[in-house]
Amino acid sequence: MPIFQLPNEIVFPHVNLTHESGILAIGGDLSTERLLAAYAEGIFPWYSEGDPILWWCPDPRFVLRPGEVKVSKTMRQVFNRNIFRVTFDRAFREVITACRIPRKSQAGTWITDEMLEAYCTLHENGYAHSVEAWRGDELAGGLYGVSLGGMFFGESMFTRESNASKAALIVLARALGERGFDMIDCQVYTAHLESLGAHDMARDEFIKVLRKSLERGTLRGSWDGDMVPSGNIFNGSKE
């Protein structure tokens, strides 16, 4: 199948026309309107510095249902010892900036300057959110993503201390579960996310869940102070 060149108009081809590589389209921009239109169709941008914008909708999709997050014995000890304090939307720009630092195995980052500013604008408009894991007053790890309807589209995570990003994701999953969210979209496979309960889902099934999820209202605005889960963090989670 061909890879489509996007017009100036904010439209995307049907996801069933996605190339076998997972790429659906090329071009366009990272305006808030286009990004929201993309996520509503199960499409996300992912490209490298110096390349044109690439839009993806891979099959299968890697997903995590909030109630299926796995909390290992090690992570139970982390929570029992209160090693990290987890917050929401306290340091969005700091989190995305930390996420763009290349890992040891990477030559560069896909979070370009353009991408960083686009998602900061999404955050300012109440659609993009960060989860921070603090060790004292220092940011130890975290993640960010986009929320539409009952879906949280995870974009990237980072860690400066062992288990910090896991703590952020587990607390996020618990908080989303309490609010009836359907799924966390993890996009593509990683062993790290698999260890926390993420699994493959056929694209057709993912789109069905997304369509149903978008029928509910979006929890828009700052999540600071409103999303910390109540009760025992382990309730409803799998070991």
Protein backbone atom coordinates (compact mmCIF):
# COMPACT_ATOMS: atom_id res chain seq x y z
CA MET A 1 0.00 0.00 0.00
CA PRO A 2 1.19 3.57 -0.67
CA ILE A 3 2.10 6.04 2.06
CA PHE A 4 -0.20 9.04 1.71
CA GLN A 5 0.93 12.65 1.45
CA LEU A 6 -1.29 14.77 3.69
CA PRO A 7 -2.93 17.89 2.23
CA ASN A 8 -3.22 21.22 4.04
CA GLU A 9 -6.74 20.21 5.03
CA ILE A 10 -6.89 18.31 8.32
CA VAL A 11 -7.89 14.87 7.07
CA PHE A 12 -6.32 11.41 7.31
CA PRO A 13 -6.78 8.33 5.13
CA HIS A 14 -8.58 5.36 6.67
CA VAL A 15 -6.33 3.38 9.00
CA ASN A 16 -6.98 0.20 7.01
CA LEU A 17 -4.83 1.79 4.29
CA THR A 18 -1.77 1.81 6.57
CA HIS A 19 1.43 0.47 5.01
CA GLU A 20 2.66 -2.84 6.44
CA SER A 21 5.47 -0.90 8.15
CA GLY A 22 2.86 0.86 10.29
CA ILE A 23 3.21 4.22 8.50
CA LEU A 24 -0.04 5.68 7.21
CA ALA A 25 0.85 9.16 6.00
CA ILE A 26 3.56 11.77 5.65
CA GLY A 27 3.58 15.56 5.95
CA GLY A 28 1.13 17.97 7.48
CA ASP A 29 1.90 19.79 10.71
CA LEU A 30 1.71 19.37 14.48
CA SER A 31 -1.08 21.84 15.13
CA THR A 32 -3.36 21.06 18.05
CA GLU A 33 -6.25 20.52 15.64
CA ARG A 34 -4.36 17.99 13.53
CA LEU A 35 -2.95 16.15 16.54
CA LEU A 36 -6.39 15.79 18.13
CA ALA A 37 -7.86 14.63 14.82
CA ALA A 38 -5.07 12.05 14.52
CA TYR A 39 -5.47 10.63 18.02
CA ALA A 40 -9.24 10.39 17.54
CA GLU A 41 -8.52 8.07 14.59
CA GLY A 42 -5.87 6.03 16.42
CA ILE A 43 -3.00 7.73 14.58
CA PHE A 44 0.13 9.27 16.13
CA PRO A 45 3.22 11.15 14.86
CA TRP A 46 6.69 9.66 15.18
CA TYR A 47 9.72 10.81 13.20
CA SER A 48 13.34 11.89 13.56
CA GLU A 49 15.00 15.31 13.42
CA GLY A 50 15.42 16.43 9.84
CA ASP A 51 12.77 14.04 8.48
CA PRO A 52 9.23 14.94 7.41
CA ILE A 53 6.44 14.21 9.88
CA LEU A 54 5.40 10.55 9.75
CA TRP A 55 1.98 9.37 10.98
CA TRP A 56 1.59 5.83 12.29
CA CYS A 57 -1.15 3.32 13.06
CA PRO A 58 0.60 -0.02 13.57
CA ASP A 59 -1.02 -3.44 13.65
CA PRO A 60 -0.98 -4.92 16.25
CA ARG A 61 -1.25 -2.14 18.80
CA PHE A 62 0.41 -2.44 22.22
CA VAL A 63 -2.06 -1.59 25.00
CA LEU A 64 -2.56 -1.75 28.76
CA ARG A 65 -5.96 -1.92 30.41
CA PRO A 66 -5.84 -0.01 33.72
CA GLY A 67 -7.18 -2.93 35.77
CA GLU A 68 -4.56 -5.30 34.35
CA VAL A 69 -1.44 -3.41 35.45
CA LYS A 70 1.03 -5.74 37.14
CA VAL A 71 2.57 -4.70 40.45
CA SER A 72 5.60 -6.89 41.19
CA LYS A 73 6.83 -7.69 44.69
CA THR A 74 9.65 -5.24 44.12
CA MET A 75 7.23 -2.47 43.22
CA ARG A 76 5.03 -3.30 46.20
CA GLN A 77 8.07 -2.72 48.39
CA VAL A 78 8.73 0.56 46.59
CA PHE A 79 5.22 1.77 47.36
CA ASN A 80 5.21 0.42 50.92
CA ARG A 81 8.42 2.32 51.64
CA ASN A 82 7.05 5.50 50.01
CA ILE A 83 10.23 5.90 48.00
CA PHE A 84 8.52 8.10 45.40
CA ARG A 85 5.87 10.79 45.58
CA VAL A 86 3.75 10.71 42.41
CA THR A 87 2.00 13.81 41.08
CA PHE A 88 0.12 14.86 37.94
CA ASP A 89 0.72 17.90 35.74
CA ARG A 90 3.21 19.54 38.08
CA ALA A 91 6.15 19.60 35.64
CA PHE A 92 4.99 18.83 32.09
CA ARG A 93 7.76 20.65 30.23
CA GLU A 94 10.39 19.17 32.53
CA VAL A 95 9.05 15.66 31.94
CA ILE A 96 8.91 15.90 28.14
CA THR A 97 12.35 17.52 28.10
CA ALA A 98 13.73 14.59 30.13
CA CYS A 99 12.00 12.11 27.80
CA ARG A 100 13.78 13.56 24.77
CA ILE A 101 17.27 12.81 26.12
CA PRO A 102 18.54 9.85 24.03
CA ARG A 103 19.01 6.49 25.74
CA LYS A 104 22.44 4.88 25.58
CA SER A 105 21.33 2.72 22.64
CA GLN A 106 19.93 5.69 20.67
CA ALA A 107 21.76 8.01 18.30
CA GLY A 108 19.16 10.78 18.62
CA THR A 109 15.66 11.61 19.74
CA TRP A 110 12.28 11.62 18.01
CA ILE A 111 11.03 14.36 20.35
CA THR A 112 12.14 17.26 18.17
CA ASP A 113 11.89 20.93 19.19
CA GLU A 114 8.74 21.11 17.08
CA MET A 115 7.28 18.05 18.80
CA LEU A 116 8.12 19.36 22.27
CA GLU A 117 6.40 22.69 21.67
CA ALA A 118 3.37 21.04 20.04
CA TYR A 119 2.75 18.83 23.07
CA CYS A 120 3.34 21.68 25.49
CA THR A 121 0.58 23.51 23.62
CA LEU A 122 -1.63 20.43 23.95
CA HIS A 123 -0.90 20.50 27.67
CA GLU A 124 -1.78 24.18 27.92
CA ASN A 125 -5.09 23.34 26.23
CA GLY A 126 -5.81 20.58 28.74
CA TYR A 127 -5.30 17.52 26.52
CA ALA A 128 -1.74 16.42 27.31
CA HIS A 129 -0.72 15.37 30.81
CA SER A 130 2.38 14.41 32.73
CA VAL A 131 2.90 12.05 35.64
CA GLU A 132 5.90 12.79 37.86
CA ALA A 133 7.72 10.52 40.31
CA TRP A 134 9.68 12.59 42.83
CA ARG A 135 12.43 11.52 45.23
CA GLY A 136 12.34 14.34 47.74
CA ASP A 137 12.37 17.51 45.63
CA GLU A 138 14.13 15.88 42.67
CA LEU A 139 12.30 14.56 39.61
CA ALA A 140 13.26 10.87 39.47
CA GLY A 141 11.11 9.74 36.55
CA GLY A 142 7.83 10.18 34.78
CA LEU A 143 5.79 9.99 31.61
CA TYR A 144 3.47 12.05 29.46
CA GLY A 145 0.64 11.43 27.04
CA VAL A 146 -2.64 12.63 25.58
CA SER A 147 -6.13 12.06 27.00
CA LEU A 148 -9.26 11.83 24.84
CA GLY A 149 -12.51 10.29 26.04
CA GLY A 150 -11.71 7.14 28.00
CA MET A 151 -8.33 6.63 26.34
CA PHE A 152 -4.89 7.73 27.49
CA PHE A 153 -2.33 7.72 24.67
CA GLY A 154 1.05 7.21 26.28
CA GLU A 155 3.85 8.97 24.42
CA SER A 156 7.10 8.54 26.31
CA MET A 157 8.59 7.89 29.74
CA PHE A 158 11.96 8.35 31.41
CA THR A 159 13.70 7.35 34.60
CA ARG A 160 16.64 8.74 36.52
CA GLU A 161 16.24 6.28 39.38
CA SER A 162 15.40 2.60 39.23
CA ASN A 163 11.62 1.95 39.29
CA ALA A 164 10.63 5.64 39.10
CA SER A 165 8.90 5.42 35.72
CA LYS A 166 7.21 2.17 36.77
CA ALA A 167 5.83 3.91 39.86
CA ALA A 168 4.46 6.71 37.67
CA LEU A 169 2.77 4.31 35.26
CA ILE A 170 1.27 2.13 38.02
CA VAL A 171 -0.21 5.16 39.77
CA LEU A 172 -1.52 6.48 36.44
CA ALA A 173 -3.18 3.13 35.67
CA ARG A 174 -4.81 3.02 39.08
CA ALA A 175 -6.06 6.62 38.75
CA LEU A 176 -7.43 6.01 35.26
CA GLY A 177 -9.11 2.81 36.40
CA GLU A 178 -10.90 4.66 39.19
CA ARG A 179 -12.28 7.07 36.61
CA GLY A 180 -13.48 4.41 34.22
CA PHE A 181 -10.86 4.83 31.50
CA ASP A 182 -10.82 1.99 29.00
CA MET A 183 -7.20 1.72 28.02
CA ILE A 184 -3.68 3.11 27.93
CA ASP A 185 -2.33 3.09 24.39
CA CYS A 186 1.35 2.10 24.56
CA GLN A 187 1.64 2.19 20.74
CA VAL A 188 4.42 -0.35 20.10
CA TYR A 189 5.98 -3.23 22.00
CA THR A 190 8.61 -2.77 24.68
CA ALA A 191 9.72 -5.38 27.19
CA HIS A 192 9.47 -2.75 29.95
CA LEU A 193 5.76 -2.19 29.31
CA GLU A 194 5.12 -5.90 28.80
CA SER A 195 6.45 -6.51 32.32
CA LEU A 196 3.75 -4.13 33.59
CA GLY A 197 0.93 -5.97 31.82
CA ALA A 198 0.79 -4.42 28.34
CA HIS A 199 -0.08 -6.74 25.45
CA ASP A 200 -0.78 -6.75 21.72
CA MET A 201 -4.24 -5.97 20.38
CA ALA A 202 -5.32 -6.23 16.75
CA ARG A 203 -5.71 -2.80 15.18
CA ASP A 204 -9.36 -3.42 14.27
CA GLU A 205 -10.16 -4.25 17.89
CA PHE A 206 -8.19 -1.24 19.11
CA ILE A 207 -10.16 1.08 16.83
CA LYS A 208 -13.46 -0.41 18.08
CA VAL A 209 -12.44 0.25 21.69
CA LEU A 210 -11.29 3.76 20.75
CA ARG A 211 -14.57 4.61 18.99
CA LYS A 212 -16.58 3.53 22.03
CA SER A 213 -14.18 5.31 24.37
CA LEU A 214 -14.57 8.62 22.54
CA GLU A 215 -18.32 8.61 23.23
CA ARG A 216 -17.59 9.79 26.77
CA GLY A 217 -16.39 13.26 27.66
CA THR A 218 -12.72 14.12 27.86
CA LEU A 219 -11.30 14.82 31.33
CA ARG A 220 -9.75 18.05 30.11
CA GLY A 221 -7.72 20.57 32.09
CA SER A 222 -5.07 20.20 34.77
CA TRP A 223 -5.01 16.88 36.61
CA ASP A 224 -2.94 18.33 39.43
CA GLY A 225 -4.50 17.33 42.75
CA ASP A 226 -7.46 15.53 41.14
CA MET A 227 -6.00 12.26 39.88
CA VAL A 228 -4.08 10.75 42.80
CA PRO A 229 -5.82 7.40 43.42
CA SER A 230 -7.56 6.71 46.69
CA GLY A 231 -7.01 3.77 49.02
CA ASN A 232 -4.48 0.97 48.57
CA ILE A 233 -2.50 1.27 45.33
CA PHE A 234 -2.54 -2.52 44.99
CA ASN A 235 -6.31 -2.98 44.87
CA GLY A 236 -7.47 -4.22 41.49
CA SER A 237 -3.94 -4.80 40.23
CA LYS A 238 -2.25 -8.04 39.30
CA GLU A 239 1.02 -9.34 40.69
